[in-house]
Amino acid sequence: MSTTTAHLTVSPAPWKSTFEEHISKLPSPEFVFSSLEAAPKDSPVPFVPRLRYCIYRGMWGSLPENKHNHAPKNPPLFDSDMPTFTTDVRMKKVGQIFGSSAGRASDDSQMQGSGGGGPVEAAFWIKDVGTQWRIRGEAFVVGNDIDAKGEEASSGVRTVKSEVGRRMKRTDSGKEEDWSWGRELTGHFGNCSPGMRGSWRNPPPGTPTLGKEPNKDHQLGQKVEDLNDPIARENFRVVIIKPEEVEQTDISDPTTARRWRYTFKAVGGEDGESKGEWKCEELWP
């Protein structure tokens, strides 16, 4: 990790342990992910919402254990409260994350690497405990260029390392230079099944078939064992959600139902050190 990354002093998120306990009850940790797409030119609004189901892949910096994953592991230096999922750079959600960000990237070439920062929301329904979770914040995309340094690092790489890095919490006194963003990216690739890895060699998602078979490099139903498969890795991305607001709505008992809203705020400490705090407000459901 860059030694220039400034980390906030962040206390553990008060919602995180309950959230992870609830997620563990799901047979498959699916959630609805919402992003914003630029509206058609004749639309009265600038953006329209887009939804899809994704799979939760753990919190950034603390890769879930997987005995089948033989990728090199980072030392356990960091933890965070930032949920992750994997995607294909050719999917529209990546362009939406870039296109709705403060930088408003509009050219496809600007969306091939790391970057983003667009506003997003994730919604989880945990049926066994009658609880809905909604996580709102900004999403950042991690691509193969993430370990670029100095002048070779794009503005997107610098944005990801700055915005995500400052919310990563140190859990060990080891050396930051021993922790690699690229190694964490490869670890996420290795945590996916061979069939899932093969999906990043599919024909371009959402493009017309034109009644033809795909070319030999982009076939459906492939299984990828090589963690450095050039085609799959070219398309593979990890998306990190940096939460600014989290809502937990418990309707398991109608007589005691409640909603809790957790809001994150960065503040300056008395010693001049930047700190991050979560504030909780109890609400009627």
C-alpha atoms as a PDB file:
ATOM      1  CA  MET A   1       0.000   0.000   0.000  1.00  0.00           C
ATOM      2  CA  SER A   2       1.159   3.540  -0.689  1.00  0.00           C
ATOM      3  CA  THR A   3       2.858   4.984   2.359  1.00  0.00           C
ATOM      4  CA  THR A   4       1.167   8.303   1.608  1.00  0.00           C
ATOM      5  CA  THR A   5      -2.347   6.960   2.197  1.00  0.00           C
ATOM      6  CA  ALA A   6      -3.914   8.932   5.055  1.00  0.00           C
ATOM      7  CA  HIS A   7      -6.064   6.724   7.275  1.00  0.00           C
ATOM      8  CA  LEU A   8      -8.809   8.129   9.426  1.00  0.00           C
ATOM      9  CA  THR A   9      -8.864   6.991  13.032  1.00  0.00           C
ATOM     10  CA  VAL A  10     -12.097   5.006  12.811  1.00  0.00           C
ATOM     11  CA  SER A  11     -13.762   3.161  15.662  1.00  0.00           C
ATOM     12  CA  PRO A  12     -15.504  -0.118  14.744  1.00  0.00           C
ATOM     13  CA  ALA A  13     -18.812   0.481  12.966  1.00  0.00           C
ATOM     14  CA  PRO A  14     -21.557  -0.213  15.550  1.00  0.00           C
ATOM     15  CA  TRP A  15     -23.696  -1.974  12.937  1.00  0.00           C
ATOM     16  CA  LYS A  16     -21.017  -4.217  11.446  1.00  0.00           C
ATOM     17  CA  SER A  17     -21.068  -7.236  13.766  1.00  0.00           C
ATOM     18  CA  THR A  18     -24.871  -7.553  13.595  1.00  0.00           C
ATOM     19  CA  PHE A  19     -24.807  -7.105   9.823  1.00  0.00           C
ATOM     20  CA  GLU A  20     -22.206  -9.846   9.381  1.00  0.00           C
ATOM     21  CA  GLU A  21     -24.104 -12.147  11.749  1.00  0.00           C
ATOM     22  CA  HIS A  22     -27.251 -11.632   9.677  1.00  0.00           C
ATOM     23  CA  ILE A  23     -25.390 -12.170   6.380  1.00  0.00           C
ATOM     24  CA  SER A  24     -24.109 -15.507   7.704  1.00  0.00           C
ATOM     25  CA  LYS A  25     -27.734 -16.722   7.840  1.00  0.00           C
ATOM     26  CA  LEU A  26     -28.173 -16.382   4.075  1.00  0.00           C
ATOM     27  CA  PRO A  27     -27.688 -19.526   1.951  1.00  0.00           C
ATOM     28  CA  SER A  28     -26.295 -17.175  -0.715  1.00  0.00           C
ATOM     29  CA  PRO A  29     -25.451 -13.560   0.263  1.00  0.00           C
ATOM     30  CA  GLU A  30     -27.422 -11.875  -2.513  1.00  0.00           C
ATOM     31  CA  PHE A  31     -28.400  -8.229  -2.445  1.00  0.00           C
ATOM     32  CA  VAL A  32     -29.930  -5.604  -4.711  1.00  0.00           C
ATOM     33  CA  PHE A  33     -27.422  -3.046  -5.978  1.00  0.00           C
ATOM     34  CA  SER A  34     -28.667   0.295  -7.296  1.00  0.00           C
ATOM     35  CA  SER A  35     -26.671   2.751  -9.399  1.00  0.00           C
ATOM     36  CA  LEU A  36     -27.464   5.758 -11.584  1.00  0.00           C
ATOM     37  CA  GLU A  37     -27.396   5.863 -15.362  1.00  0.00           C
ATOM     38  CA  ALA A  38     -27.438   9.012 -17.472  1.00  0.00           C
ATOM     39  CA  ALA A  39     -31.015   9.607 -18.631  1.00  0.00           C
ATOM     40  CA  PRO A  40     -31.943   9.862 -22.329  1.00  0.00           C
ATOM     41  CA  LYS A  41     -31.375  13.308 -23.829  1.00  0.00           C
ATOM     42  CA  ASP A  42     -35.090  14.152 -23.887  1.00  0.00           C
ATOM     43  CA  SER A  43     -35.595  13.181 -20.227  1.00  0.00           C
ATOM     44  CA  PRO A  44     -36.579  15.853 -17.647  1.00  0.00           C
ATOM     45  CA  VAL A  45     -34.137  14.330 -15.124  1.00  0.00           C
ATOM     46  CA  PRO A  46     -30.347  13.847 -15.448  1.00  0.00           C
ATOM     47  CA  PHE A  47     -30.212  10.257 -14.131  1.00  0.00           C
ATOM     48  CA  VAL A  48     -32.398   7.157 -13.873  1.00  0.00           C
ATOM     49  CA  PRO A  49     -31.964   4.268 -11.378  1.00  0.00           C
ATOM     50  CA  ARG A  50     -30.763   0.837 -12.402  1.00  0.00           C
ATOM     51  CA  LEU A  51     -31.040  -2.309 -10.235  1.00  0.00           C
ATOM     52  CA  ARG A  52     -29.586  -5.796 -10.291  1.00  0.00           C
ATOM     53  CA  TYR A  53     -28.750  -8.627  -7.888  1.00  0.00           C
ATOM     54  CA  CYS A  54     -25.113  -9.060  -6.818  1.00  0.00           C
ATOM     55  CA  ILE A  55     -23.224 -11.352  -4.420  1.00  0.00           C
ATOM     56  CA  TYR A  56     -21.649  -9.908  -1.277  1.00  0.00           C
ATOM     57  CA  ARG A  57     -17.929 -10.817  -1.139  1.00  0.00           C
ATOM     58  CA  GLY A  58     -16.972  -9.628   2.332  1.00  0.00           C
ATOM     59  CA  MET A  59     -15.505  -6.377   3.611  1.00  0.00           C
ATOM     60  CA  TRP A  60     -12.576  -4.815   1.756  1.00  0.00           C
ATOM     61  CA  GLY A  61      -9.248  -5.582   3.414  1.00  0.00           C
ATOM     62  CA  SER A  62     -10.401  -8.728   5.195  1.00  0.00           C
ATOM     63  CA  LEU A  63     -10.752 -11.343   2.462  1.00  0.00           C
ATOM     64  CA  PRO A  64     -13.065 -14.216   3.513  1.00  0.00           C
ATOM     65  CA  GLU A  65     -11.258 -17.514   4.125  1.00  0.00           C
ATOM     66  CA  ASN A  66     -11.565 -20.062   1.321  1.00  0.00           C
ATOM     67  CA  LYS A  67      -9.599 -23.332   1.469  1.00  0.00           C
ATOM     68  CA  HIS A  68      -9.849 -23.651  -2.312  1.00  0.00           C
ATOM     69  CA  ASN A  69      -8.213 -20.278  -2.923  1.00  0.00           C
ATOM     70  CA  HIS A  70      -4.474 -20.664  -3.580  1.00  0.00           C
ATOM     71  CA  ALA A  71      -3.825 -17.013  -4.365  1.00  0.00           C
ATOM     72  CA  PRO A  72      -1.119 -15.264  -2.305  1.00  0.00           C
ATOM     73  CA  LYS A  73      -2.663 -13.581   0.734  1.00  0.00           C
ATOM     74  CA  ASN A  74      -2.015 -10.152   2.181  1.00  0.00           C
ATOM     75  CA  PRO A  75      -0.906  -9.977   5.802  1.00  0.00           C
ATOM     76  CA  PRO A  76      -3.849  -9.163   8.131  1.00  0.00           C
ATOM     77  CA  LEU A  77      -3.027  -5.468   8.469  1.00  0.00           C
ATOM     78  CA  PHE A  78      -6.417  -3.955   7.665  1.00  0.00           C
ATOM     79  CA  ASP A  79     -10.129  -4.256   8.229  1.00  0.00           C
ATOM     80  CA  SER A  80     -12.982  -2.034   7.078  1.00  0.00           C
ATOM     81  CA  ASP A  81     -16.734  -1.501   6.991  1.00  0.00           C
ATOM     82  CA  MET A  82     -16.800  -1.361   3.176  1.00  0.00           C
ATOM     83  CA  PRO A  83     -18.754  -4.171   1.452  1.00  0.00           C
ATOM     84  CA  THR A  84     -17.428  -5.622  -1.801  1.00  0.00           C
ATOM     85  CA  PHE A  85     -18.714  -7.526  -4.801  1.00  0.00           C
ATOM     86  CA  THR A  86     -17.180  -8.661  -8.072  1.00  0.00           C
ATOM     87  CA  THR A  87     -18.227  -7.671 -11.577  1.00  0.00           C
ATOM     88  CA  ASP A  88     -17.233  -7.542 -15.243  1.00  0.00           C
ATOM     89  CA  VAL A  89     -15.851  -4.262 -16.578  1.00  0.00           C
ATOM     90  CA  ARG A  90     -18.051  -4.774 -19.631  1.00  0.00           C
ATOM     91  CA  MET A  91     -21.208  -4.601 -17.494  1.00  0.00           C
ATOM     92  CA  LYS A  92     -23.155  -1.354 -17.519  1.00  0.00           C
ATOM     93  CA  LYS A  93     -22.894  -0.912 -13.763  1.00  0.00           C
ATOM     94  CA  VAL A  94     -19.191  -0.038 -14.101  1.00  0.00           C
ATOM     95  CA  GLY A  95     -19.924   2.774 -16.543  1.00  0.00           C
ATOM     96  CA  GLN A  96     -22.712   3.981 -14.258  1.00  0.00           C
ATOM     97  CA  ILE A  97     -20.367   4.124 -11.254  1.00  0.00           C
ATOM     98  CA  PHE A  98     -17.910   6.211 -13.263  1.00  0.00           C
ATOM     99  CA  GLY A  99     -20.513   8.276 -15.115  1.00  0.00           C
ATOM    100  CA  SER A 100     -22.395   9.417 -12.002  1.00  0.00           C
ATOM    101  CA  SER A 101     -19.247  10.294 -10.033  1.00  0.00           C
ATOM    102  CA  ALA A 102     -18.022  13.821  -9.384  1.00  0.00           C
ATOM    103  CA  GLY A 103     -15.679  13.457 -12.365  1.00  0.00           C
ATOM    104  CA  ARG A 104     -18.568  12.380 -14.642  1.00  0.00           C
ATOM    105  CA  ALA A 105     -16.436  10.135 -16.873  1.00  0.00           C
ATOM    106  CA  SER A 106     -18.196   9.813 -20.216  1.00  0.00           C
ATOM    107  CA  ASP A 107     -15.623   8.139 -22.462  1.00  0.00           C
ATOM    108  CA  ASP A 108     -15.352   4.343 -22.333  1.00  0.00           C
ATOM    109  CA  SER A 109     -11.562   4.576 -22.222  1.00  0.00           C
ATOM    110  CA  GLN A 110     -11.826   6.395 -18.883  1.00  0.00           C
ATOM    111  CA  MET A 111     -13.726   3.470 -17.334  1.00  0.00           C
ATOM    112  CA  GLN A 112     -11.327   0.607 -18.044  1.00  0.00           C
ATOM    113  CA  GLY A 113      -9.181   0.954 -14.944  1.00  0.00           C
ATOM    114  CA  SER A 114      -9.662   1.795 -11.289  1.00  0.00           C
ATOM    115  CA  GLY A 115     -11.753   4.768 -10.200  1.00  0.00           C
ATOM    116  CA  GLY A 116     -15.395   5.743  -9.949  1.00  0.00           C
ATOM    117  CA  GLY A 117     -17.082   7.228  -6.905  1.00  0.00           C
ATOM    118  CA  GLY A 118     -20.700   7.384  -8.061  1.00  0.00           C
ATOM    119  CA  PRO A 119     -23.587   7.271  -5.540  1.00  0.00           C
ATOM    120  CA  VAL A 120     -25.043   3.800  -4.951  1.00  0.00           C
ATOM    121  CA  GLU A 121     -27.293   1.855  -2.607  1.00  0.00           C
ATOM    122  CA  ALA A 122     -27.337  -1.809  -1.586  1.00  0.00           C
ATOM    123  CA  ALA A 123     -30.363  -3.542  -0.025  1.00  0.00           C
ATOM    124  CA  PHE A 124     -30.300  -6.874   1.841  1.00  0.00           C
ATOM    125  CA  TRP A 125     -33.343  -8.769   3.134  1.00  0.00           C
ATOM    126  CA  ILE A 126     -32.551 -11.285   5.890  1.00  0.00           C
ATOM    127  CA  LYS A 127     -35.751 -13.315   6.108  1.00  0.00           C
ATOM    128  CA  ASP A 128     -34.705 -15.466   9.095  1.00  0.00           C
ATOM    129  CA  VAL A 129     -34.439 -12.407  11.353  1.00  0.00           C
ATOM    130  CA  GLY A 130     -37.038 -10.190   9.652  1.00  0.00           C
ATOM    131  CA  THR A 131     -34.515  -7.444   9.003  1.00  0.00           C
ATOM    132  CA  GLN A 132     -33.731  -5.236   6.018  1.00  0.00           C
ATOM    133  CA  TRP A 133     -30.358  -3.546   5.593  1.00  0.00           C
ATOM    134  CA  ARG A 134     -29.796  -0.574   3.282  1.00  0.00           C
ATOM    135  CA  ILE A 135     -26.288   0.728   2.676  1.00  0.00           C
ATOM    136  CA  ARG A 136     -25.862   4.069   0.890  1.00  0.00           C
ATOM    137  CA  GLY A 137     -22.606   5.633  -0.188  1.00  0.00           C
ATOM    138  CA  GLU A 138     -20.113   5.788  -3.039  1.00  0.00           C
ATOM    139  CA  ALA A 139     -18.762   2.891  -5.103  1.00  0.00           C
ATOM    140  CA  PHE A 140     -15.198   2.516  -6.322  1.00  0.00           C
ATOM    141  CA  VAL A 141     -13.874   0.077  -8.908  1.00  0.00           C
ATOM    142  CA  VAL A 142     -10.562  -1.776  -8.457  1.00  0.00           C
ATOM    143  CA  GLY A 143      -8.884  -2.890 -11.686  1.00  0.00           C
ATOM    144  CA  ASN A 144      -5.550  -4.317 -12.791  1.00  0.00           C
ATOM    145  CA  ASP A 145      -3.888  -0.889 -12.767  1.00  0.00           C
ATOM    146  CA  ILE A 146      -4.378  -0.462  -9.008  1.00  0.00           C
ATOM    147  CA  ASP A 147      -0.712  -1.043  -8.105  1.00  0.00           C
ATOM    148  CA  ALA A 148       0.563   1.650 -10.490  1.00  0.00           C
ATOM    149  CA  LYS A 149       2.799   4.189  -8.756  1.00  0.00           C
ATOM    150  CA  GLY A 150       4.035   7.715  -9.319  1.00  0.00           C
ATOM    151  CA  GLU A 151       3.319   9.225 -12.716  1.00  0.00           C
ATOM    152  CA  GLU A 152       2.051   5.875 -13.983  1.00  0.00           C
ATOM    153  CA  ALA A 153      -0.870   5.977 -11.539  1.00  0.00           C
ATOM    154  CA  SER A 154      -4.035   7.354 -13.132  1.00  0.00           C
ATOM    155  CA  SER A 155      -6.299   9.830 -11.386  1.00  0.00           C
ATOM    156  CA  GLY A 156      -8.687   6.907 -10.855  1.00  0.00           C
ATOM    157  CA  VAL A 157      -6.051   4.870  -9.032  1.00  0.00           C
ATOM    158  CA  ARG A 158      -5.204   7.860  -6.845  1.00  0.00           C
ATOM    159  CA  THR A 159      -8.899   8.434  -6.101  1.00  0.00           C
ATOM    160  CA  VAL A 160      -9.503   4.819  -5.041  1.00  0.00           C
ATOM    161  CA  LYS A 161      -6.432   4.686  -2.799  1.00  0.00           C
ATOM    162  CA  SER A 162      -7.318   8.016  -1.222  1.00  0.00           C
ATOM    163  CA  GLU A 163     -11.071   7.546  -0.703  1.00  0.00           C
ATOM    164  CA  VAL A 164     -11.024   3.844   0.161  1.00  0.00           C
ATOM    165  CA  GLY A 165      -7.634   3.856   1.880  1.00  0.00           C
ATOM    166  CA  ARG A 166      -8.613   6.475   4.426  1.00  0.00           C
ATOM    167  CA  ARG A 167     -11.494   4.287   5.616  1.00  0.00           C
ATOM    168  CA  MET A 168      -9.301   1.182   6.039  1.00  0.00           C
ATOM    169  CA  LYS A 169      -8.643   0.471   9.705  1.00  0.00           C
ATOM    170  CA  ARG A 170      -5.248  -0.787  10.870  1.00  0.00           C
ATOM    171  CA  THR A 171      -5.517  -4.037  12.835  1.00  0.00           C
ATOM    172  CA  ASP A 172      -1.828  -4.909  13.040  1.00  0.00           C
ATOM    173  CA  SER A 173       1.421  -3.027  13.545  1.00  0.00           C
ATOM    174  CA  GLY A 174       3.099  -4.537  10.467  1.00  0.00           C
ATOM    175  CA  LYS A 175       4.503  -2.544   7.575  1.00  0.00           C
ATOM    176  CA  GLU A 176       2.006  -1.040   5.134  1.00  0.00           C
ATOM    177  CA  GLU A 177       4.354  -1.694   2.219  1.00  0.00           C
ATOM    178  CA  ASP A 178       3.846  -5.435   2.836  1.00  0.00           C
ATOM    179  CA  TRP A 179       0.157  -5.028   1.906  1.00  0.00           C
ATOM    180  CA  SER A 180      -0.728  -4.884  -1.812  1.00  0.00           C
ATOM    181  CA  TRP A 181      -3.930  -3.681  -3.467  1.00  0.00           C
ATOM    182  CA  GLY A 182      -3.192  -5.919  -6.445  1.00  0.00           C
ATOM    183  CA  ARG A 183      -2.709  -8.956  -4.203  1.00  0.00           C
ATOM    184  CA  GLU A 184      -6.092  -8.264  -2.593  1.00  0.00           C
ATOM    185  CA  LEU A 185      -7.658  -8.028  -6.065  1.00  0.00           C
ATOM    186  CA  THR A 186      -6.170 -11.378  -7.074  1.00  0.00           C
ATOM    187  CA  GLY A 187      -7.362 -12.844  -3.772  1.00  0.00           C
ATOM    188  CA  HIS A 188     -10.942 -11.891  -4.645  1.00  0.00           C
ATOM    189  CA  PHE A 189     -10.520 -13.523  -8.064  1.00  0.00           C
ATOM    190  CA  GLY A 190      -9.245 -16.681  -6.363  1.00  0.00           C
ATOM    191  CA  ASN A 191     -12.193 -16.716  -3.961  1.00  0.00           C
ATOM    192  CA  CYS A 192     -14.543 -17.173  -6.922  1.00  0.00           C
ATOM    193  CA  SER A 193     -15.263 -20.655  -8.259  1.00  0.00           C
ATOM    194  CA  PRO A 194     -13.655 -21.788 -11.553  1.00  0.00           C
ATOM    195  CA  GLY A 195     -17.057 -21.469 -13.199  1.00  0.00           C
ATOM    196  CA  MET A 196     -17.495 -17.922 -11.930  1.00  0.00           C
ATOM    197  CA  ARG A 197     -13.992 -17.030 -13.101  1.00  0.00           C
ATOM    198  CA  GLY A 198     -14.943 -18.467 -16.468  1.00  0.00           C
ATOM    199  CA  SER A 199     -17.841 -16.008 -16.725  1.00  0.00           C
ATOM    200  CA  TRP A 200     -15.266 -13.249 -17.270  1.00  0.00           C
ATOM    201  CA  ARG A 201     -14.429 -15.013 -20.537  1.00  0.00           C
ATOM    202  CA  ASN A 202     -18.070 -14.882 -21.690  1.00  0.00           C
ATOM    203  CA  PRO A 203     -19.089 -12.974 -24.809  1.00  0.00           C
ATOM    204  CA  PRO A 204     -19.547  -9.239 -24.043  1.00  0.00           C
ATOM    205  CA  PRO A 205     -22.620  -8.993 -21.743  1.00  0.00           C
ATOM    206  CA  GLY A 206     -25.704  -7.362 -23.222  1.00  0.00           C
ATOM    207  CA  THR A 207     -24.482  -7.386 -26.835  1.00  0.00           C
ATOM    208  CA  PRO A 208     -26.616  -8.909 -29.635  1.00  0.00           C
ATOM    209  CA  THR A 209     -25.891 -12.524 -30.557  1.00  0.00           C
ATOM    210  CA  LEU A 210     -26.697 -11.803 -34.236  1.00  0.00           C
ATOM    211  CA  GLY A 211     -27.432 -15.512 -34.585  1.00  0.00           C
ATOM    212  CA  LYS A 212     -23.719 -16.362 -34.408  1.00  0.00           C
ATOM    213  CA  GLU A 213     -21.551 -18.441 -32.098  1.00  0.00           C
ATOM    214  CA  PRO A 214     -19.011 -16.542 -29.958  1.00  0.00           C
ATOM    215  CA  ASN A 215     -15.330 -16.654 -30.834  1.00  0.00           C
ATOM    216  CA  LYS A 216     -13.018 -19.258 -29.263  1.00  0.00           C
ATOM    217  CA  ASP A 217     -11.754 -16.894 -26.547  1.00  0.00           C
ATOM    218  CA  HIS A 218     -15.214 -15.896 -25.367  1.00  0.00           C
ATOM    219  CA  GLN A 219     -17.267 -19.045 -24.882  1.00  0.00           C
ATOM    220  CA  LEU A 220     -20.072 -19.631 -22.374  1.00  0.00           C
ATOM    221  CA  GLY A 221     -19.664 -22.122 -19.547  1.00  0.00           C
ATOM    222  CA  GLN A 222     -15.871 -22.081 -19.306  1.00  0.00           C
ATOM    223  CA  LYS A 223     -13.981 -22.969 -16.125  1.00  0.00           C
ATOM    224  CA  VAL A 224     -10.836 -21.029 -15.297  1.00  0.00           C
ATOM    225  CA  GLU A 225      -8.211 -22.454 -12.928  1.00  0.00           C
ATOM    226  CA  ASP A 226      -5.378 -20.034 -13.771  1.00  0.00           C
ATOM    227  CA  LEU A 227      -5.517 -17.065 -11.377  1.00  0.00           C
ATOM    228  CA  ASN A 228      -3.705 -14.983 -14.002  1.00  0.00           C
ATOM    229  CA  ASP A 229      -5.826 -15.961 -17.004  1.00  0.00           C
ATOM    230  CA  PRO A 230      -5.270 -12.914 -19.252  1.00  0.00           C
ATOM    231  CA  ILE A 231      -8.776 -12.664 -20.702  1.00  0.00           C
ATOM    232  CA  ALA A 232     -10.677 -13.259 -17.449  1.00  0.00           C
ATOM    233  CA  ARG A 233      -8.413 -10.899 -15.505  1.00  0.00           C
ATOM    234  CA  GLU A 234      -8.768  -8.188 -18.153  1.00  0.00           C
ATOM    235  CA  ASN A 235     -12.513  -8.151 -17.482  1.00  0.00           C
ATOM    236  CA  PHE A 236     -12.544  -8.888 -13.730  1.00  0.00           C
ATOM    237  CA  ARG A 237     -13.203  -6.046 -11.271  1.00  0.00           C
ATOM    238  CA  VAL A 238     -13.893  -5.661  -7.556  1.00  0.00           C
ATOM    239  CA  VAL A 239     -16.366  -2.969  -6.524  1.00  0.00           C
ATOM    240  CA  ILE A 240     -16.053  -1.426  -3.054  1.00  0.00           C
ATOM    241  CA  ILE A 241     -18.996   0.375  -1.457  1.00  0.00           C
ATOM    242  CA  LYS A 242     -17.849   3.125   0.908  1.00  0.00           C
ATOM    243  CA  PRO A 243     -20.903   3.574   3.164  1.00  0.00           C
ATOM    244  CA  GLU A 244     -21.997   6.979   4.402  1.00  0.00           C
ATOM    245  CA  GLU A 245     -25.370   5.846   5.769  1.00  0.00           C
ATOM    246  CA  VAL A 246     -26.630   2.455   6.911  1.00  0.00           C
ATOM    247  CA  GLU A 247     -30.212   1.611   7.886  1.00  0.00           C
ATOM    248  CA  GLN A 248     -31.252  -1.480   9.813  1.00  0.00           C
ATOM    249  CA  THR A 249     -35.017  -2.099   9.900  1.00  0.00           C
ATOM    250  CA  ASP A 250     -36.171  -4.895  12.205  1.00  0.00           C
ATOM    251  CA  ILE A 251     -39.795  -5.947  11.658  1.00  0.00           C
ATOM    252  CA  SER A 252     -39.462  -9.432  13.166  1.00  0.00           C
ATOM    253  CA  ASP A 253     -41.942  -8.460  15.910  1.00  0.00           C
ATOM    254  CA  PRO A 254     -44.648  -5.956  14.823  1.00  0.00           C
ATOM    255  CA  THR A 255     -45.093  -4.768  18.426  1.00  0.00           C
ATOM    256  CA  THR A 256     -41.456  -3.711  18.857  1.00  0.00           C
ATOM    257  CA  ALA A 257     -40.394  -2.937  15.272  1.00  0.00           C
ATOM    258  CA  ARG A 258     -37.652  -0.341  14.947  1.00  0.00           C
ATOM    259  CA  ARG A 259     -35.361   1.275  12.424  1.00  0.00           C
ATOM    260  CA  TRP A 260     -31.825   2.439  13.204  1.00  0.00           C
ATOM    261  CA  ARG A 261     -29.981   4.899  10.983  1.00  0.00           C
ATOM    262  CA  TYR A 262     -26.186   5.001  11.248  1.00  0.00           C
ATOM    263  CA  THR A 263     -24.479   8.018   9.668  1.00  0.00           C
ATOM    264  CA  PHE A 264     -20.735   8.359   9.121  1.00  0.00           C
ATOM    265  CA  LYS A 265     -18.952  11.651   9.580  1.00  0.00           C
ATOM    266  CA  ALA A 266     -15.278  12.594   9.423  1.00  0.00           C
ATOM    267  CA  VAL A 267     -14.278  15.087  12.095  1.00  0.00           C
ATOM    268  CA  GLY A 268     -11.082  16.763  13.247  1.00  0.00           C
ATOM    269  CA  GLY A 269      -9.775  15.602  16.606  1.00  0.00           C
ATOM    270  CA  GLU A 270      -8.357  17.855  19.288  1.00  0.00           C
ATOM    271  CA  ASP A 271      -4.880  16.652  18.377  1.00  0.00           C
ATOM    272  CA  GLY A 272      -5.394  17.626  14.746  1.00  0.00           C
ATOM    273  CA  GLU A 273      -5.858  14.015  13.671  1.00  0.00           C
ATOM    274  CA  SER A 274      -8.797  13.258  11.380  1.00  0.00           C
ATOM    275  CA  LYS A 275     -11.291  10.856  12.882  1.00  0.00           C
ATOM    276  CA  GLY A 276     -14.332   9.019  11.630  1.00  0.00           C
ATOM    277  CA  GLU A 277     -17.439   8.578  13.736  1.00  0.00           C
ATOM    278  CA  TRP A 278     -20.703   6.688  13.331  1.00  0.00           C
ATOM    279  CA  LYS A 279     -23.803   8.334  14.807  1.00  0.00           C
ATOM    280  CA  CYS A 280     -26.901   6.226  15.490  1.00  0.00           C
ATOM    281  CA  GLU A 281     -30.513   7.439  15.531  1.00  0.00           C
ATOM    282  CA  GLU A 282     -33.435   5.202  16.502  1.00  0.00           C
ATOM    283  CA  LEU A 283     -36.511   5.646  14.282  1.00  0.00           C
ATOM    284  CA  TRP A 284     -39.979   4.255  13.892  1.00  0.00           C
ATOM    285  CA  PRO A 285     -39.984   1.684  11.095  1.00  0.00           C
END
